[in-house]
Every structure is written in C-alpha cells, then in structure tokens.
PDB file of N, CA and C in Angstrom:
ATOM      1  N   MET A   1       9.408   1.147  13.825  1.00  0.00           N
ATOM      2  CA  MET A   1       8.284   1.950  12.936  1.00  0.00           C
ATOM      3  C   MET A   1       7.887   2.348  14.323  1.00  0.00           C
ATOM      4  N   THR A   2       7.393   3.286  14.497  1.00  0.00           N
ATOM      5  CA  THR A   2       6.735   3.531  15.414  1.00  0.00           C
ATOM      6  C   THR A   2       5.738   3.548  16.116  1.00  0.00           C
ATOM      7  N   CYS A   3       4.705   3.278  16.571  1.00  0.00           N
ATOM      8  CA  CYS A   3       3.477   3.070  16.697  1.00  0.00           C
ATOM      9  C   CYS A   3       1.855   3.919  15.683  1.00  0.00           C
ATOM     10  N   ARG A   4       2.546   4.923  15.448  1.00  0.00           N
ATOM     11  CA  ARG A   4       2.047   6.069  14.881  1.00  0.00           C
ATOM     12  C   ARG A   4       1.234   5.806  13.660  1.00  0.00           C
ATOM     13  N   GLU A   5       3.324   5.138  13.089  1.00  0.00           N
ATOM     14  CA  GLU A   5       3.113   4.658  11.681  1.00  0.00           C
ATOM     15  C   GLU A   5       2.619   3.034  11.209  1.00  0.00           C
ATOM     16  N   SER A   6       3.121   2.186  11.989  1.00  0.00           N
ATOM     17  CA  SER A   6       1.944   1.199  12.083  1.00  0.00           C
ATOM     18  C   SER A   6       0.258   0.872  11.958  1.00  0.00           C
ATOM     19  N   THR A   7      -0.581   2.144  12.186  1.00  0.00           N
ATOM     20  CA  THR A   7      -1.588   2.319  11.981  1.00  0.00           C
ATOM     21  C   THR A   7      -2.525   2.358  10.878  1.00  0.00           C
ATOM     22  N   PHE A   8      -1.475   3.695  10.147  1.00  0.00           N
ATOM     23  CA  PHE A   8      -1.589   4.887   9.154  1.00  0.00           C
ATOM     24  C   PHE A   8      -1.402   4.121   7.918  1.00  0.00           C
ATOM     25  N   MET A   9      -0.413   3.238   8.257  1.00  0.00           N
ATOM     26  CA  MET A   9       0.281   2.767   7.119  1.00  0.00           C
ATOM     27  C   MET A   9       0.216   1.605   6.659  1.00  0.00           C
ATOM     28  N   PRO A  10      -0.523   1.194   5.784  1.00  0.00           N
ATOM     29  CA  PRO A  10      -1.390   0.029   5.136  1.00  0.00           C
ATOM     30  C   PRO A  10      -0.337  -1.246   4.313  1.00  0.00           C
ATOM     31  N   VAL A  11      -0.280  -2.488   4.992  1.00  0.00           N
ATOM     32  CA  VAL A  11       1.248  -3.645   5.184  1.00  0.00           C
ATOM     33  C   VAL A  11       0.364  -4.201   3.422  1.00  0.00           C
ATOM     34  N   TYR A  12       1.437  -4.224   2.201  1.00  0.00           N
ATOM     35  CA  TYR A  12       0.973  -4.413   1.452  1.00  0.00           C
ATOM     36  C   TYR A  12       2.409  -6.362   1.308  1.00  0.00           C
ATOM     37  N   SER A  13       1.583  -6.708   0.667  1.00  0.00           N
ATOM     38  CA  SER A  13       2.375  -7.968   0.596  1.00  0.00           C
ATOM     39  C   SER A  13       3.569  -7.668  -1.164  1.00  0.00           C
ATOM     40  N   SER A  14       3.703  -6.758  -1.478  1.00  0.00           N
ATOM     41  CA  SER A  14       5.241  -6.713  -1.921  1.00  0.00           C
ATOM     42  C   SER A  14       4.806  -5.545  -2.713  1.00  0.00           C
ATOM     43  N   LEU A  15       6.201  -4.586  -2.666  1.00  0.00           N
ATOM     44  CA  LEU A  15       6.004  -2.902  -2.933  1.00  0.00           C
ATOM     45  C   LEU A  15       5.488  -2.879  -4.642  1.00  0.00           C
ATOM     46  N   THR A  16       5.724  -4.305  -5.395  1.00  0.00           N
ATOM     47  CA  THR A  16       4.467  -4.122  -7.161  1.00  0.00           C
ATOM     48  C   THR A  16       2.859  -3.602  -6.307  1.00  0.00           C
ATOM     49  N   HIS A  17       2.314  -4.540  -5.422  1.00  0.00           N
ATOM     50  CA  HIS A  17       1.403  -4.001  -4.823  1.00  0.00           C
ATOM     51  C   HIS A  17       1.209  -3.051  -3.920  1.00  0.00           C
ATOM     52  N   ALA A  18       1.619  -2.489  -3.594  1.00  0.00           N
ATOM     53  CA  ALA A  18       1.608  -1.730  -2.822  1.00  0.00           C
ATOM     54  C   ALA A  18       2.366   0.312  -4.027  1.00  0.00           C
ATOM     55  N   LEU A  19       3.230  -0.181  -4.820  1.00  0.00           N
ATOM     56  CA  LEU A  19       2.858   0.642  -6.255  1.00  0.00           C
ATOM     57  C   LEU A  19       1.888   0.386  -6.726  1.00  0.00           C
ATOM     58  N   ALA A  20       1.002  -0.539  -7.350  1.00  0.00           N
ATOM     59  CA  ALA A  20       0.304  -0.526  -7.709  1.00  0.00           C
ATOM     60  C   ALA A  20      -1.610   0.199  -6.810  1.00  0.00           C
ATOM     61  N   GLU A  21      -0.986  -0.193  -5.947  1.00  0.00           N
ATOM     62  CA  GLU A  21      -2.286   1.140  -5.381  1.00  0.00           C
ATOM     63  C   GLU A  21      -2.062   2.280  -5.538  1.00  0.00           C
ATOM     64  N   ALA A  22      -0.485   3.279  -5.011  1.00  0.00           N
ATOM     65  CA  ALA A  22      -0.348   4.239  -5.052  1.00  0.00           C
ATOM     66  C   ALA A  22      -0.485   4.944  -7.120  1.00  0.00           C
ATOM     67  N   LEU A  23      -0.313   4.179  -7.476  1.00  0.00           N
ATOM     68  CA  LEU A  23      -0.573   3.989  -8.419  1.00  0.00           C
ATOM     69  C   LEU A  23      -2.264   4.899  -9.041  1.00  0.00           C
ATOM     70  N   VAL A  24      -3.085   3.849  -8.986  1.00  0.00           N
ATOM     71  CA  VAL A  24      -4.242   3.647  -8.780  1.00  0.00           C
ATOM     72  C   VAL A  24      -4.635   5.163  -7.917  1.00  0.00           C
ATOM     73  N   GLY A  25      -4.572   5.449  -6.624  1.00  0.00           N
ATOM     74  CA  GLY A  25      -4.443   7.159  -6.308  1.00  0.00           C
ATOM     75  C   GLY A  25      -4.636   7.656  -6.788  1.00  0.00           C
ATOM     76  N   VAL A  26      -3.820   7.619  -8.304  1.00  0.00           N
ATOM     77  CA  VAL A  26      -3.092   9.166  -8.870  1.00  0.00           C
ATOM     78  C   VAL A  26      -3.929   9.358 -10.252  1.00  0.00           C
ATOM     79  N   LEU A  27      -4.106   7.683 -10.093  1.00  0.00           N
ATOM     80  CA  LEU A  27      -4.969   7.693 -11.258  1.00  0.00           C
ATOM     81  C   LEU A  27      -6.466   7.519 -11.004  1.00  0.00           C
ATOM     82  N   TRP A  28      -7.176   7.324 -10.179  1.00  0.00           N
ATOM     83  CA  TRP A  28      -8.545   7.361  -9.396  1.00  0.00           C
ATOM     84  C   TRP A  28      -8.980   9.692  -9.824  1.00  0.00           C
ATOM     85  N   PHE A  29      -7.113  10.296  -8.911  1.00  0.00           N
ATOM     86  CA  PHE A  29      -7.749  11.526  -8.504  1.00  0.00           C
ATOM     87  C   PHE A  29      -7.498  11.765 -10.174  1.00  0.00           C
ATOM     88  N   VAL A  30      -6.650  11.837 -11.048  1.00  0.00           N
ATOM     89  CA  VAL A  30      -6.680  12.628 -11.820  1.00  0.00           C
ATOM     90  C   VAL A  30      -8.041  12.703 -12.804  1.00  0.00           C
ATOM     91  N   GLU A  31      -8.886  10.992 -13.229  1.00  0.00           N
ATOM     92  CA  GLU A  31     -10.095  10.670 -13.495  1.00  0.00           C
ATOM     93  C   GLU A  31     -11.344  11.743 -12.838  1.00  0.00           C
ATOM     94  N   GLY A  32     -10.889  11.700 -11.266  1.00  0.00           N
ATOM     95  CA  GLY A  32     -11.852  12.687 -10.796  1.00  0.00           C
ATOM     96  C   GLY A  32     -11.847  14.413 -10.708  1.00  0.00           C
ATOM     97  N   SER A  33     -11.146  14.398 -10.976  1.00  0.00           N
ATOM     98  CA  SER A  33     -10.756  15.921 -11.156  1.00  0.00           C
ATOM     99  C   SER A  33     -10.900  16.715 -11.972  1.00  0.00           C
ATOM    100  N   ASP A  34     -11.615  18.165 -11.349  1.00  0.00           N
ATOM    101  CA  ASP A  34     -12.673  18.593 -12.062  1.00  0.00           C
ATOM    102  C   ASP A  34     -11.084  19.910 -13.153  1.00  0.00           C
ATOM    103  N   GLU A  35     -12.235  21.006 -13.644  1.00  0.00           N
ATOM    104  CA  GLU A  35     -10.533  21.480 -14.376  1.00  0.00           C
ATOM    105  C   GLU A  35     -10.008  22.309 -13.775  1.00  0.00           C
ATOM    106  N   GLU A  36     -10.669  22.917 -12.061  1.00  0.00           N
ATOM    107  CA  GLU A  36     -10.464  23.510 -10.765  1.00  0.00           C
ATOM    108  C   GLU A  36      -9.070  22.582 -10.187  1.00  0.00           C
ATOM    109  N   GLN A  37      -9.501  22.508 -10.328  1.00  0.00           N
ATOM    110  CA  GLN A  37      -8.129  20.901  -9.443  1.00  0.00           C
ATOM    111  C   GLN A  37      -7.021  20.410 -10.334  1.00  0.00           C
ATOM    112  N   MET A  38      -7.670  20.265 -11.891  1.00  0.00           N
ATOM    113  CA  MET A  38      -5.790  19.430 -12.507  1.00  0.00           C
ATOM    114  C   MET A  38      -7.341  20.410 -13.895  1.00  0.00           C
ATOM    115  N   ASP A  39      -6.105  21.019 -15.260  1.00  0.00           N
ATOM    116  CA  ASP A  39      -5.904  21.345 -16.853  1.00  0.00           C
ATOM    117  C   ASP A  39      -5.939  20.348 -16.985  1.00  0.00           C
ATOM    118  N   PRO A  40      -7.029  20.048 -17.931  1.00  0.00           N
ATOM    119  CA  PRO A  40      -7.045  19.030 -18.671  1.00  0.00           C
ATOM    120  C   PRO A  40      -6.197  18.115 -19.250  1.00  0.00           C
ATOM    121  N   ASP A  41      -5.462  19.306 -19.938  1.00  0.00           N
ATOM    122  CA  ASP A  41      -4.394  19.088 -20.904  1.00  0.00           C
ATOM    123  C   ASP A  41      -3.384  18.461 -19.850  1.00  0.00           C
ATOM    124  N   ASP A  42      -2.986  18.669 -19.067  1.00  0.00           N
ATOM    125  CA  ASP A  42      -2.219  17.854 -17.815  1.00  0.00           C
ATOM    126  C   ASP A  42      -2.768  16.321 -17.263  1.00  0.00           C
ATOM    127  N   ALA A  43      -4.503  16.235 -17.035  1.00  0.00           N
ATOM    128  CA  ALA A  43      -4.866  15.018 -16.515  1.00  0.00           C
ATOM    129  C   ALA A  43      -4.339  14.102 -17.776  1.00  0.00           C
ATOM    130  N   VAL A  44      -4.663  14.595 -19.804  1.00  0.00           N
ATOM    131  CA  VAL A  44      -3.666  13.661 -20.664  1.00  0.00           C
ATOM    132  C   VAL A  44      -3.121  13.278 -20.743  1.00  0.00           C
ATOM    133  N   LYS A  45      -1.959  14.433 -20.229  1.00  0.00           N
ATOM    134  CA  LYS A  45      -0.386  13.873 -20.555  1.00  0.00           C
ATOM    135  C   LYS A  45      -0.142  13.075 -18.958  1.00  0.00           C
ATOM    136  N   ALA A  46      -0.365  13.278 -17.933  1.00  0.00           N
ATOM    137  CA  ALA A  46      -0.442  12.477 -16.844  1.00  0.00           C
ATOM    138  C   ALA A  46      -0.989  10.387 -17.324  1.00  0.00           C
ATOM    139  N   LEU A  47      -2.561  10.386 -17.784  1.00  0.00           N
ATOM    140  CA  LEU A  47      -3.003   9.607 -18.615  1.00  0.00           C
ATOM    141  C   LEU A  47      -1.943   8.249 -19.374  1.00  0.00           C
ATOM    142  N   GLU A  48      -2.124   9.480 -20.587  1.00  0.00           N
ATOM    143  CA  GLU A  48      -0.909   9.014 -21.409  1.00  0.00           C
ATOM    144  C   GLU A  48       0.342   8.615 -20.741  1.00  0.00           C
ATOM    145  N   GLY A  49       0.940   9.695 -19.851  1.00  0.00           N
ATOM    146  CA  GLY A  49       1.987   8.298 -19.774  1.00  0.00           C
ATOM    147  C   GLY A  49       1.475   6.975 -19.233  1.00  0.00           C
ATOM    148  N   VAL A  50       0.937   7.666 -18.447  1.00  0.00           N
ATOM    149  CA  VAL A  50       0.774   5.934 -17.702  1.00  0.00           C
ATOM    150  C   VAL A  50      -0.081   4.826 -18.738  1.00  0.00           C
ATOM    151  N   ALA A  51      -0.391   5.057 -20.212  1.00  0.00           N
ATOM    152  CA  ALA A  51      -0.197   4.081 -20.825  1.00  0.00           C
ATOM    153  C   ALA A  51       0.875   3.735 -21.268  1.00  0.00           C
ATOM    154  N   HIS A  52       1.981   4.793 -21.216  1.00  0.00           N
ATOM    155  CA  HIS A  52       2.405   4.239 -22.739  1.00  0.00           C
ATOM    156  C   HIS A  52       3.733   3.418 -21.263  1.00  0.00           C
ATOM    157  N   LEU A  53       3.609   4.108 -19.595  1.00  0.00           N
ATOM    158  CA  LEU A  53       4.752   3.232 -18.958  1.00  0.00           C
ATOM    159  C   LEU A  53       4.260   1.741 -18.926  1.00  0.00           C
ATOM    160  N   ILE A  54       2.225   1.035 -18.820  1.00  0.00           N
ATOM    161  CA  ILE A  54       2.164   0.010 -19.135  1.00  0.00           C
ATOM    162  C   ILE A  54       2.269  -1.123 -20.646  1.00  0.00           C
ATOM    163  N   SER A  55       2.367  -0.350 -21.363  1.00  0.00           N
ATOM    164  CA  SER A  55       2.502  -0.266 -23.363  1.00  0.00           C
ATOM    165  C   SER A  55       3.325  -0.764 -23.485  1.00  0.00           C
ATOM    166  N   ASN A  56       4.535  -1.249 -22.554  1.00  0.00           N
ATOM    167  CA  ASN A  56       6.547  -1.250 -21.920  1.00  0.00           C
ATOM    168  C   ASN A  56       5.964  -2.072 -21.527  1.00  0.00           C
ATOM    169  N   LEU A  57       5.255  -2.594 -20.284  1.00  0.00           N
ATOM    170  CA  LEU A  57       5.593  -3.933 -19.107  1.00  0.00           C
ATOM    171  C   LEU A  57       5.870  -5.026 -20.499  1.00  0.00           C
ATOM    172  N   SER A  58       7.044  -5.784 -19.422  1.00  0.00           N
ATOM    173  CA  SER A  58       6.458  -7.795 -20.415  1.00  0.00           C
ATOM    174  C   SER A  58       5.119  -8.476 -19.662  1.00  0.00           C
ATOM    175  N   SER A  59       4.534  -9.611 -20.709  1.00  0.00           N
ATOM    176  CA  SER A  59       3.358  -9.943 -20.524  1.00  0.00           C
ATOM    177  C   SER A  59       3.322 -10.469 -19.049  1.00  0.00           C
ATOM    178  N   ASP A  60       4.619 -11.047 -18.459  1.00  0.00           N
ATOM    179  CA  ASP A  60       4.463 -11.306 -16.750  1.00  0.00           C
ATOM    180  C   ASP A  60       4.099  -9.986 -15.947  1.00  0.00           C
ATOM    181  N   GLN A  61       4.476  -9.104 -16.522  1.00  0.00           N
ATOM    182  CA  GLN A  61       4.204  -7.873 -15.805  1.00  0.00           C
ATOM    183  C   GLN A  61       2.741  -7.494 -15.834  1.00  0.00           C
ATOM    184  N   ARG A  62       2.696  -7.326 -17.118  1.00  0.00           N
ATOM    185  CA  ARG A  62       0.887  -7.286 -17.562  1.00  0.00           C
ATOM    186  C   ARG A  62      -0.220  -7.785 -16.615  1.00  0.00           C
ATOM    187  N   ASN A  63       0.762  -9.450 -16.812  1.00  0.00           N
ATOM    188  CA  ASN A  63      -0.387 -10.463 -16.179  1.00  0.00           C
ATOM    189  C   ASN A  63      -0.404  -9.905 -14.699  1.00  0.00           C
ATOM    190  N   GLU A  64       0.315  -9.930 -14.091  1.00  0.00           N
ATOM    191  CA  GLU A  64       0.800  -9.778 -12.505  1.00  0.00           C
ATOM    192  C   GLU A  64      -0.190  -8.182 -12.209  1.00  0.00           C
ATOM    193  N   LEU A  65       0.106  -6.987 -12.471  1.00  0.00           N
ATOM    194  CA  LEU A  65      -0.790  -5.522 -12.173  1.00  0.00           C
ATOM    195  C   LEU A  65      -2.204  -6.075 -12.434  1.00  0.00           C
ATOM    196  N   THR A  66      -2.889  -6.843 -13.825  1.00  0.00           N
ATOM    197  CA  THR A  66      -3.787  -7.224 -14.015  1.00  0.00           C
ATOM    198  C   THR A  66      -4.002  -7.556 -12.764  1.00  0.00           C
ATOM    199  N   GLY A  67      -3.947  -9.085 -12.048  1.00  0.00           N
ATOM    200  CA  GLY A  67      -4.666  -9.666 -11.041  1.00  0.00           C
ATOM    201  C   GLY A  67      -4.496  -8.959  -9.805  1.00  0.00           C
ATOM    202  N   LEU A  68      -3.663  -7.617  -9.418  1.00  0.00           N
ATOM    203  CA  LEU A  68      -3.783  -6.986  -8.573  1.00  0.00           C
ATOM    204  C   LEU A  68      -4.342  -6.210  -8.380  1.00  0.00           C
ATOM    205  N   LEU A  69      -4.839  -5.578 -10.140  1.00  0.00           N
ATOM    206  CA  LEU A  69      -5.813  -4.652  -9.681  1.00  0.00           C
ATOM    207  C   LEU A  69      -7.191  -5.506  -9.668  1.00  0.00           C
ATOM    208  N   GLY A  70      -7.638  -6.429  -9.544  1.00  0.00           N
ATOM    209  CA  GLY A  70      -8.059  -7.377  -9.597  1.00  0.00           C
ATOM    210  C   GLY A  70      -8.761  -8.062  -7.917  1.00  0.00           C
ATOM    211  N   MET A  71      -7.601  -7.852  -8.024  1.00  0.00           N
ATOM    212  CA  MET A  71      -8.622  -8.472  -6.514  1.00  0.00           C
ATOM    213  C   MET A  71      -8.263  -7.039  -5.440  1.00  0.00           C
ATOM    214  N   MET A  72      -7.418  -5.783  -5.744  1.00  0.00           N
ATOM    215  CA  MET A  72      -7.881  -4.368  -5.527  1.00  0.00           C
ATOM    216  C   MET A  72      -8.897  -4.501  -5.262  1.00  0.00           C
ATOM    217  N   ALA A  73      -9.699  -5.070  -6.397  1.00  0.00           N
ATOM    218  CA  ALA A  73     -11.349  -4.455  -7.216  1.00  0.00           C
ATOM    219  C   ALA A  73     -12.320  -5.466  -5.917  1.00  0.00           C
ATOM    220  N   ASP A  74     -11.882  -6.195  -5.628  1.00  0.00           N
ATOM    221  CA  ASP A  74     -12.390  -7.682  -5.112  1.00  0.00           C
ATOM    222  C   ASP A  74     -12.560  -7.034  -3.462  1.00  0.00           C
ATOM    223  N   ALA A  75     -11.972  -7.264  -3.321  1.00  0.00           N
ATOM    224  CA  ALA A  75     -11.614  -5.863  -1.842  1.00  0.00           C
ATOM    225  C   ALA A  75     -11.758  -4.227  -1.674  1.00  0.00           C
ATOM    226  N   GLU A  76     -12.852  -4.123  -2.524  1.00  0.00           N
ATOM    227  CA  GLU A  76     -12.813  -2.361  -2.296  1.00  0.00           C
ATOM    228  C   GLU A  76     -14.226  -2.183  -2.658  1.00  0.00           C
ATOM    229  N   SER A  77     -14.270  -1.729  -1.559  1.00  0.00           N
ATOM    230  CA  SER A  77     -15.968  -1.259  -0.807  1.00  0.00           C
ATOM    231  C   SER A  77     -16.723  -1.022  -1.426  1.00  0.00           C
ATOM    232  N   THR A  78     -16.376   0.211  -1.996  1.00  0.00           N
ATOM    233  CA  THR A  78     -16.909   1.034  -2.248  1.00  0.00           C
ATOM    234  C   THR A  78     -17.511   1.295  -4.326  1.00  0.00           C
ATOM    235  N   PRO A  79     -18.736   1.191  -4.538  1.00  0.00           N
ATOM    236  CA  PRO A  79     -18.823   1.173  -5.910  1.00  0.00           C
ATOM    237  C   PRO A  79     -18.289   1.201  -7.145  1.00  0.00           C
ATOM    238  N   ALA A  80     -17.737   3.391  -7.129  1.00  0.00           N
ATOM    239  CA  ALA A  80     -17.349   3.962  -8.211  1.00  0.00           C
ATOM    240  C   ALA A  80     -15.959   3.670  -8.348  1.00  0.00           C
ATOM    241  N   ARG A  81     -15.529   3.240  -7.030  1.00  0.00           N
ATOM    242  CA  ARG A  81     -14.046   2.850  -7.011  1.00  0.00           C
ATOM    243  C   ARG A  81     -13.656   1.351  -7.362  1.00  0.00           C
ATOM    244  N   ARG A  82     -14.847   0.816  -7.457  1.00  0.00           N
ATOM    245  CA  ARG A  82     -15.346  -1.034  -7.880  1.00  0.00           C
ATOM    246  C   ARG A  82     -14.567  -1.779  -9.363  1.00  0.00           C
ATOM    247  N   GLU A  83     -15.516  -0.350  -9.790  1.00  0.00           N
ATOM    248  CA  GLU A  83     -16.028   0.174 -11.281  1.00  0.00           C
ATOM    249  C   GLU A  83     -14.968   0.377 -12.204  1.00  0.00           C
ATOM    250  N   PHE A  84     -14.084   1.723 -11.759  1.00  0.00           N
ATOM    251  CA  PHE A  84     -13.232   2.282 -11.833  1.00  0.00           C
ATOM    252  C   PHE A  84     -11.391   1.321 -12.567  1.00  0.00           C
ATOM    253  N   LEU A  85     -12.275   0.305 -10.511  1.00  0.00           N
ATOM    254  CA  LEU A  85     -10.723  -0.560 -10.958  1.00  0.00           C
ATOM    255  C   LEU A  85     -11.233  -1.245 -11.650  1.00  0.00           C
ATOM    256  N   GLU A  86     -11.437  -2.246 -11.860  1.00  0.00           N
ATOM    257  CA  GLU A  86     -12.595  -3.065 -13.062  1.00  0.00           C
ATOM    258  C   GLU A  86     -11.852  -2.691 -14.292  1.00  0.00           C
ATOM    259  N   GLY A  87     -12.579  -2.173 -14.747  1.00  0.00           N
ATOM    260  CA  GLY A  87     -11.982  -0.874 -15.955  1.00  0.00           C
ATOM    261  C   GLY A  87     -10.628  -0.702 -16.344  1.00  0.00           C
ATOM    262  N   ILE A  88      -9.562  -0.835 -15.281  1.00  0.00           N
ATOM    263  CA  ILE A  88      -8.292  -0.323 -15.823  1.00  0.00           C
ATOM    264  C   ILE A  88      -7.561  -1.038 -16.590  1.00  0.00           C
ATOM    265  N   PRO A  89      -8.170  -2.283 -16.136  1.00  0.00           N
ATOM    266  CA  PRO A  89      -7.057  -3.218 -17.693  1.00  0.00           C
ATOM    267  C   PRO A  89      -7.228  -3.260 -18.697  1.00  0.00           C
ATOM    268  N   GLU A  90      -8.517  -2.980 -18.767  1.00  0.00           N
ATOM    269  CA  GLU A  90      -9.157  -2.646 -20.049  1.00  0.00           C
ATOM    270  C   GLU A  90      -8.613  -1.109 -21.181  1.00  0.00           C
ATOM    271  N   GLY A  91      -8.777  -0.365 -19.947  1.00  0.00           N
ATOM    272  CA  GLY A  91      -8.619   0.871 -20.568  1.00  0.00           C
ATOM    273  C   GLY A  91      -7.784   1.248 -21.050  1.00  0.00           C
ATOM    274  N   PHE A  92      -7.097   0.693 -19.846  1.00  0.00           N
ATOM    275  CA  PHE A  92      -5.017   0.679 -20.661  1.00  0.00           C
ATOM    276  C   PHE A  92      -3.956  -0.093 -20.804  1.00  0.00           C
ATOM    277  N   GLY A  93      -5.354  -1.273 -21.487  1.00  0.00           N
ATOM    278  CA  GLY A  93      -4.243  -1.981 -22.932  1.00  0.00           C
ATOM    279  C   GLY A  93      -3.814  -2.982 -22.213  1.00  0.00           C
ATOM    280  N   LEU A  94      -4.560  -3.633 -20.499  1.00  0.00           N
ATOM    281  CA  LEU A  94      -3.485  -4.483 -20.218  1.00  0.00           C
ATOM    282  C   LEU A  94      -4.203  -5.860 -20.797  1.00  0.00           C
ATOM    283  N   VAL A  95      -5.179  -6.140 -21.247  1.00  0.00           N
ATOM    284  CA  VAL A  95      -5.713  -6.723 -21.383  1.00  0.00           C
ATOM    285  C   VAL A  95      -6.831  -6.682 -22.884  1.00  0.00           C
ATOM    286  N   ASP A  96      -6.762  -7.607 -23.660  1.00  0.00           N
ATOM    287  CA  ASP A  96      -8.271  -7.299 -25.350  1.00  0.00           C
ATOM    288  C   ASP A  96      -8.893  -6.672 -24.663  1.00  0.00           C
ATOM    289  N   ALA A  97      -9.778  -5.763 -25.635  1.00  0.00           N
ATOM    290  CA  ALA A  97     -10.649  -4.923 -25.480  1.00  0.00           C
ATOM    291  C   ALA A  97     -11.909  -6.428 -25.789  1.00  0.00           C
ATOM    292  N   VAL A  98     -13.071  -6.213 -24.906  1.00  0.00           N
ATOM    293  CA  VAL A  98     -14.565  -7.464 -24.696  1.00  0.00           C
ATOM    294  C   VAL A  98     -15.450  -6.769 -26.181  1.00  0.00           C
ATOM    295  N   VAL A  99     -14.711  -8.003 -27.731  1.00  0.00           N
ATOM    296  CA  VAL A  99     -16.285  -7.818 -28.120  1.00  0.00           C
ATOM    297  C   VAL A  99     -17.231  -8.233 -28.046  1.00  0.00           C
TER     298      VAL A  99
END
C-alpha cells in the first residue's frame, strides 16, 4: 500500500463493515438524487433491489447489519445522514416497525 492509499482509504474492522459503508453511500446518493441526477424509476428499482437482498438475509446477518448501521449512525457527525442511517433498519425491514 502506498502512502497515498493509506491517506484516503478508511480502514474497516471487516469486509462486512466496508460493504455496509458502500451500501449506505449508494442508498444516500439514490435517496438524495433529484430527477436530473437519476431517473425516479431507476431509483425505485435500485431501492427495491436492496430491499429484496436484505429480505433474504439470515437473522444473524440482519442483526449484524443492524448493529453496523447503529455504530455508523453513532459515529456520524452530519445530522441528516445520522437520521438517514437510523432509519435504514426499519425502512428496509431489518427490524419490525415500531408501533
């Protein structure tokens, strides 16, 4: 690894954490895109694809992802992104909706 790579590449505790960060980045982009940046139908397809993938995770995998999202939200300094992270588990069916 070069000095440049270590400066710009975050270090994650696991591949799962790195992939969760990547997934959140994509979801954040899709959710925040307007019609000029992304076709609304394509945005819905992308979000539905993620929801389908998440629905097929095992209980342990869902718990792991929920835990990672919680850690990411706790570490997030931008209020809007923290709120977004906190909403992912319920919004994508990782946890039962709070009544």
